[in-house]
Amino acid sequence: MSEPTDEETPDISSRPESENPSDEVTLVTKSPTNTSNPENKTMEVHHHAHHEGKKSWKSYFWEFLMLFLAVFCGFLAEYQLEHKIERERAIELAKSFYQELKNDSITAGIKVQNRLKQEASLKYLIKYFKDSTLTNVPKEFALSFEYGISFRTPSQYEPRTIMLDQLRNSGSLRYLKNEEIQKLTGDLTVAIKNIENRQELESENRLNYINPFIIEHYDYDFDAEMKKDNKNIFDGVLNYEKSSELIPFHLNGLESVDRKKIVNILNFYLGNVVSSTRQIHIQKYIEINAELLNVLRNDYHLN
């Protein structure tokens, strides 16, 4: 067979256009769906998320329950921590308060013993001034004069109230939850105030009656002898009491001594001032102090 000639070769360019041009356009534009279209993907994801976000009431209930339990457990932990801190603070305060009360109780006991000695000295002086000679007094008279009316500091009771004031003024007393402790602390405050008031009365009595008597009749040569070698008057008299030495004591102004008046002054000072302060007010303080120590010891296991 002979090859086709150029003349017989189909001329594509000369081919007539399709009668239906739209068919050709359709063929050109028709293409596979583009699955990577971002807009389509976004719509699909959105549709999927909307489908998963739909929750039942049980899901909401469990979420609420878990949130509630988390908050509640946090509250319990904070409450326990706060309670622990308060308890530690209470133990700290109780220990300090207990130690202060214990020291004060020891001091109160010493002051009571000093007052008993003062009362015994006053009784001796009252008896002596009634009917004994004043020109040549014995050693016991000199010692009784010192312990009975010359000395004041050994019988003055001033409890330390650092912790007591802190508990009352700062509101720290609330840490000591025991109502009995709070009540006794109030009672202790009143007892201390009563002691202070009574000792103010003692000071007034001394100023008006005892000091003028001392200034007029005391032997200041004897006083100088007691303070010799740089001793204070308290140590000097104590050493003299323990020794067998006899140092003369001469009452000054014997011509102006009014025995009856002196006896009345000393009786009043003994009964209405020194003795009553010890028997009523200091004793009341000692009792309250002992109760507080007992409650603190039991509540906080203190020694």
Protein backbone atom coordinates (compact mmCIF):
# COMPACT_ATOMS: atom_id res chain seq x y z
CA MET A 1 0.00 0.00 0.00
CA SER A 2 1.35 3.34 -0.82
CA GLU A 3 1.93 5.93 1.96
CA PRO A 4 -0.45 8.78 1.98
CA THR A 5 0.68 11.87 0.39
CA ASP A 6 0.75 15.26 1.87
CA GLU A 7 -2.33 16.04 0.16
CA GLU A 8 -4.06 13.15 1.74
CA THR A 9 -2.87 14.00 5.29
CA PRO A 10 -5.72 15.38 7.39
CA ASP A 11 -5.42 19.03 8.10
CA ILE A 12 -6.35 19.54 11.67
CA SER A 13 -6.23 23.25 11.49
CA SER A 14 -8.66 23.17 8.71
CA ARG A 15 -11.06 20.97 10.59
CA PRO A 16 -14.30 22.74 11.14
CA GLU A 17 -15.19 23.86 14.66
CA SER A 18 -17.48 21.72 16.61
CA GLU A 19 -21.04 22.43 16.27
CA ASN A 20 -21.41 22.29 19.92
CA PRO A 21 -18.67 24.46 21.48
CA SER A 22 -19.98 23.93 24.96
CA ASP A 23 -19.03 20.30 24.82
CA GLU A 24 -15.45 21.28 24.32
CA VAL A 25 -15.52 23.76 27.13
CA THR A 26 -16.93 21.18 29.39
CA LEU A 27 -14.15 18.83 28.57
CA VAL A 28 -11.53 21.45 29.28
CA THR A 29 -12.93 22.70 32.59
CA LYS A 30 -14.04 19.42 33.99
CA SER A 31 -11.49 18.20 36.48
CA PRO A 32 -11.40 15.94 39.55
CA THR A 33 -12.73 17.46 42.76
CA ASN A 34 -9.94 19.22 44.66
CA THR A 35 -10.05 17.53 48.08
CA SER A 36 -7.38 19.82 49.41
CA ASN A 37 -9.59 22.88 49.21
CA PRO A 38 -9.06 24.71 52.59
CA GLU A 39 -12.59 25.98 52.58
CA ASN A 40 -14.03 22.51 52.25
CA LYS A 41 -11.69 21.16 54.92
CA THR A 42 -12.64 23.93 57.30
CA MET A 43 -16.27 23.24 56.82
CA GLU A 44 -15.74 19.55 57.39
CA VAL A 45 -13.70 20.07 60.57
CA HIS A 46 -16.23 22.53 61.84
CA HIS A 47 -19.00 20.13 61.19
CA HIS A 48 -17.09 17.35 62.95
CA ALA A 49 -16.28 19.49 66.03
CA HIS A 50 -19.86 20.54 66.31
CA HIS A 51 -20.84 16.93 66.33
CA GLU A 52 -18.33 16.03 69.15
CA GLY A 53 -19.19 19.09 71.38
CA LYS A 54 -22.61 17.82 72.03
CA LYS A 55 -22.56 16.48 75.66
CA SER A 56 -25.09 14.70 77.74
CA TRP A 57 -26.22 15.87 81.18
CA LYS A 58 -24.12 13.13 82.73
CA SER A 59 -20.95 14.63 81.27
CA TYR A 60 -21.82 18.03 82.68
CA PHE A 61 -22.64 16.46 86.03
CA TRP A 62 -19.31 14.64 86.28
CA GLU A 63 -17.37 17.74 85.23
CA PHE A 64 -19.18 19.76 87.89
CA LEU A 65 -18.58 17.06 90.49
CA MET A 66 -14.86 16.88 89.73
CA LEU A 67 -14.54 20.68 89.88
CA PHE A 68 -16.47 20.78 93.13
CA LEU A 69 -14.30 18.05 94.66
CA ALA A 70 -11.13 19.87 93.59
CA VAL A 71 -12.28 23.14 95.16
CA PHE A 72 -13.54 21.37 98.28
CA CYS A 73 -10.28 19.45 98.74
CA GLY A 74 -8.34 22.70 98.35
CA PHE A 75 -10.54 24.30 100.97
CA LEU A 76 -9.98 21.36 103.33
CA ALA A 77 -6.22 21.52 102.82
CA GLU A 78 -6.16 25.25 103.52
CA TYR A 79 -8.38 24.76 106.57
CA GLN A 80 -6.13 22.02 107.92
CA LEU A 81 -3.04 24.17 107.34
CA GLU A 82 -4.63 27.14 109.08
CA HIS A 83 -5.74 24.91 111.95
CA LYS A 84 -2.21 23.50 112.25
CA ILE A 85 -0.69 27.00 112.31
CA GLU A 86 -3.19 28.13 114.95
CA ARG A 87 -2.48 25.07 117.06
CA GLU A 88 1.28 25.65 116.87
CA ARG A 89 0.75 29.30 117.75
CA ALA A 90 -1.44 28.31 120.70
CA ILE A 91 1.22 25.91 122.01
CA GLU A 92 3.84 28.64 121.69
CA LEU A 93 1.72 31.16 123.59
CA ALA A 94 0.70 28.61 126.21
CA LYS A 95 4.35 27.73 126.93
CA SER A 96 5.37 31.37 127.33
CA PHE A 97 2.31 32.19 129.43
CA TYR A 98 2.85 29.10 131.57
CA GLN A 99 6.49 30.02 132.22
CA GLU A 100 5.54 33.57 133.16
CA LEU A 101 2.86 32.35 135.56
CA LYS A 102 5.23 29.80 137.06
CA ASN A 103 7.92 32.42 137.70
CA ASP A 104 5.33 34.79 139.18
CA SER A 105 4.02 32.08 141.49
CA ILE A 106 7.55 31.59 142.86
CA THR A 107 7.94 35.35 143.34
CA ALA A 108 4.52 35.55 145.02
CA GLY A 109 5.59 32.84 147.47
CA ILE A 110 8.74 34.79 148.34
CA LYS A 111 6.75 38.00 148.84
CA VAL A 112 4.30 36.19 151.12
CA GLN A 113 7.17 34.94 153.28
CA ASN A 114 8.60 38.47 153.45
CA ARG A 115 5.20 39.83 154.49
CA LEU A 116 4.85 37.19 157.19
CA LYS A 117 8.22 38.27 158.53
CA GLN A 118 7.13 41.91 158.32
CA GLU A 119 3.91 41.13 160.19
CA ALA A 120 5.84 39.29 162.92
CA SER A 121 8.17 42.29 163.26
CA LEU A 122 5.23 44.70 163.49
CA LYS A 123 3.64 42.58 166.22
CA TYR A 124 6.93 42.63 168.14
CA LEU A 125 7.19 46.43 167.83
CA ILE A 126 3.57 46.93 168.94
CA LYS A 127 4.15 44.85 172.02
CA TYR A 128 7.50 46.51 172.76
CA PHE A 129 6.22 50.09 172.45
CA LYS A 130 3.41 49.34 174.89
CA ASP A 131 5.49 48.73 177.99
CA SER A 132 9.27 48.28 177.34
CA THR A 133 12.18 50.65 177.83
CA LEU A 134 13.20 52.73 174.82
CA THR A 135 16.58 53.86 176.10
CA ASN A 136 18.42 50.61 175.68
CA VAL A 137 16.72 48.49 173.03
CA PRO A 138 17.80 44.89 172.20
CA LYS A 139 19.07 43.58 168.88
CA GLU A 140 15.65 42.10 168.07
CA PHE A 141 14.10 45.57 168.33
CA ALA A 142 16.56 46.96 165.74
CA LEU A 143 15.90 44.06 163.37
CA SER A 144 12.12 44.36 163.85
CA PHE A 145 12.31 48.08 163.15
CA GLU A 146 14.07 47.34 159.85
CA TYR A 147 11.87 44.43 158.72
CA GLY A 148 8.63 45.89 160.10
CA ILE A 149 8.56 49.53 158.99
CA SER A 150 11.86 50.52 157.36
CA PHE A 151 11.86 47.98 154.54
CA ARG A 152 9.25 48.26 151.82
CA THR A 153 10.61 46.62 148.66
CA PRO A 154 10.80 43.02 149.99
CA SER A 155 7.03 42.93 150.53
CA GLN A 156 6.00 44.70 147.31
CA TYR A 157 4.63 42.27 144.73
CA GLU A 158 4.78 43.26 141.06
CA PRO A 159 4.04 40.28 138.80
CA ARG A 160 5.49 40.26 135.31
CA THR A 161 2.64 40.67 132.84
CA ILE A 162 4.40 40.67 129.47
CA MET A 163 2.59 37.60 128.11
CA LEU A 164 -0.63 38.48 129.90
CA ASP A 165 -0.67 41.93 128.30
CA GLN A 166 0.17 40.46 124.89
CA LEU A 167 -2.67 37.94 125.11
CA ARG A 168 -5.20 40.60 126.09
CA ASN A 169 -4.07 43.52 123.91
CA SER A 170 -3.18 41.73 120.67
CA GLY A 171 -6.18 39.39 120.62
CA SER A 172 -3.90 36.35 120.85
CA LEU A 173 -6.02 34.97 123.69
CA ARG A 174 -8.36 33.59 121.00
CA TYR A 175 -5.74 30.96 120.15
CA LEU A 176 -6.22 29.44 123.61
CA LYS A 177 -9.62 27.92 122.87
CA ASN A 178 -10.35 26.64 126.36
CA GLU A 179 -13.04 28.89 127.87
CA GLU A 180 -11.74 28.24 131.37
CA ILE A 181 -8.33 29.61 130.38
CA GLN A 182 -9.96 32.76 129.02
CA LYS A 183 -12.08 33.20 132.15
CA LEU A 184 -9.15 32.65 134.52
CA THR A 185 -7.01 35.05 132.50
CA GLY A 186 -9.65 37.73 133.07
CA ASP A 187 -9.79 36.87 136.77
CA LEU A 188 -6.00 37.09 136.98
CA THR A 189 -6.06 40.57 135.44
CA VAL A 190 -8.58 41.71 138.07
CA ALA A 191 -6.52 40.15 140.89
CA ILE A 192 -3.37 41.97 139.74
CA LYS A 193 -5.26 45.25 139.56
CA ASN A 194 -6.53 44.74 143.10
CA ILE A 195 -3.00 44.10 144.36
CA GLU A 196 -1.80 47.29 142.66
CA ASN A 197 -4.63 49.28 144.27
CA ARG A 198 -3.85 47.86 147.71
CA GLN A 199 -0.16 48.60 147.37
CA GLU A 200 -1.01 52.16 146.40
CA LEU A 201 -2.92 52.33 149.69
CA GLU A 202 0.15 51.00 151.48
CA SER A 203 2.26 53.72 149.85
CA GLU A 204 -0.17 56.41 150.97
CA ASN A 205 -0.17 55.04 154.51
CA ARG A 206 3.61 54.95 154.62
CA LEU A 207 3.81 58.48 153.25
CA ASN A 208 1.36 59.88 155.79
CA TYR A 209 2.25 57.91 158.95
CA ILE A 210 5.24 55.55 158.71
CA ASN A 211 7.78 57.78 156.96
CA PRO A 212 7.33 60.74 159.38
CA PHE A 213 7.84 58.35 162.30
CA ILE A 214 11.01 56.90 160.70
CA ILE A 215 12.43 60.35 159.93
CA GLU A 216 11.87 61.49 163.51
CA HIS A 217 13.05 58.44 165.45
CA TYR A 218 15.27 56.23 163.23
CA ASP A 219 18.94 55.72 164.11
CA TYR A 220 20.80 56.68 160.91
CA ASP A 221 24.15 55.79 162.52
CA PHE A 222 22.89 52.22 162.69
CA ASP A 223 21.81 52.50 159.05
CA ALA A 224 25.31 53.61 158.03
CA GLU A 225 26.81 50.65 159.91
CA MET A 226 24.55 48.25 158.02
CA LYS A 227 25.70 49.71 154.68
CA LYS A 228 29.39 49.60 155.55
CA ASP A 229 31.77 47.86 153.12
CA ASN A 230 29.51 48.80 150.19
CA LYS A 231 26.71 46.52 151.27
CA ASN A 232 23.13 47.48 150.53
CA ILE A 233 20.82 47.80 153.52
CA PHE A 234 19.08 44.48 152.84
CA ASP A 235 22.27 42.42 152.75
CA GLY A 236 23.70 44.35 155.70
CA VAL A 237 20.69 43.65 157.92
CA LEU A 238 20.58 40.00 156.84
CA ASN A 239 24.26 39.53 157.69
CA TYR A 240 23.73 41.26 161.02
CA GLU A 241 20.78 39.00 161.80
CA LYS A 242 22.87 35.89 161.18
CA SER A 243 25.85 37.12 163.19
CA SER A 244 26.38 37.22 166.96
CA GLU A 245 27.55 40.84 166.72
CA LEU A 246 25.71 43.53 168.68
CA ILE A 247 25.51 46.99 167.12
CA PRO A 248 23.80 49.67 169.24
CA PHE A 249 20.49 51.07 168.02
CA HIS A 250 19.30 54.32 169.61
CA LEU A 251 15.86 55.77 169.02
CA ASN A 252 16.08 59.50 168.36
CA GLY A 253 13.70 62.03 169.87
CA LEU A 254 12.67 59.94 172.82
CA GLU A 255 11.15 62.98 174.49
CA SER A 256 8.57 63.27 171.73
CA VAL A 257 7.66 59.59 171.52
CA ASP A 258 3.91 59.09 171.91
CA ARG A 259 3.63 55.38 172.68
CA LYS A 260 -0.15 55.21 172.28
CA LYS A 261 -0.09 56.98 168.94
CA ILE A 262 2.76 54.79 167.68
CA VAL A 263 0.91 51.63 168.73
CA ASN A 264 -2.22 52.78 166.91
CA ILE A 265 -0.27 53.59 163.75
CA LEU A 266 1.49 50.22 163.81
CA ASN A 267 -1.75 48.33 164.48
CA PHE A 268 -3.47 50.04 161.56
CA TYR A 269 -0.50 49.42 159.29
CA LEU A 270 -0.38 45.77 160.32
CA GLY A 271 -4.07 44.89 160.16
CA ASN A 272 -5.52 47.15 157.48
CA VAL A 273 -2.57 47.33 155.12
CA VAL A 274 0.14 44.68 155.24
CA SER A 275 -1.81 41.68 156.52
CA SER A 276 -5.03 42.26 154.57
CA THR A 277 -3.16 42.68 151.27
CA ARG A 278 -1.46 39.33 151.82
CA GLN A 279 -4.48 37.43 153.12
CA ILE A 280 -7.01 38.66 150.57
CA HIS A 281 -5.50 40.06 147.40
CA ILE A 282 -2.16 38.30 147.04
CA GLN A 283 -3.74 35.04 148.19
CA LYS A 284 -6.49 35.41 145.56
CA TYR A 285 -3.87 35.95 142.90
CA ILE A 286 -1.96 32.85 144.03
CA GLU A 287 -5.12 30.71 143.80
CA ILE A 288 -6.01 31.92 140.29
CA ASN A 289 -2.40 31.53 139.19
CA ALA A 290 -2.40 27.92 140.43
CA GLU A 291 -5.66 27.15 138.58
CA LEU A 292 -4.33 28.60 135.34
CA LEU A 293 -1.11 26.64 135.63
CA ASN A 294 -3.09 23.46 136.15
CA VAL A 295 -5.36 24.00 133.11
CA LEU A 296 -2.45 24.97 130.85
CA ARG A 297 -0.46 21.98 132.06
CA ASN A 298 -3.31 19.58 131.24
CA ASP A 299 -4.33 21.15 127.92
CA TYR A 300 -0.83 21.54 126.47
CA HIS A 301 1.09 18.83 128.35
CA LEU A 302 3.50 21.26 130.00
CA ASN A 303 5.85 20.66 132.91
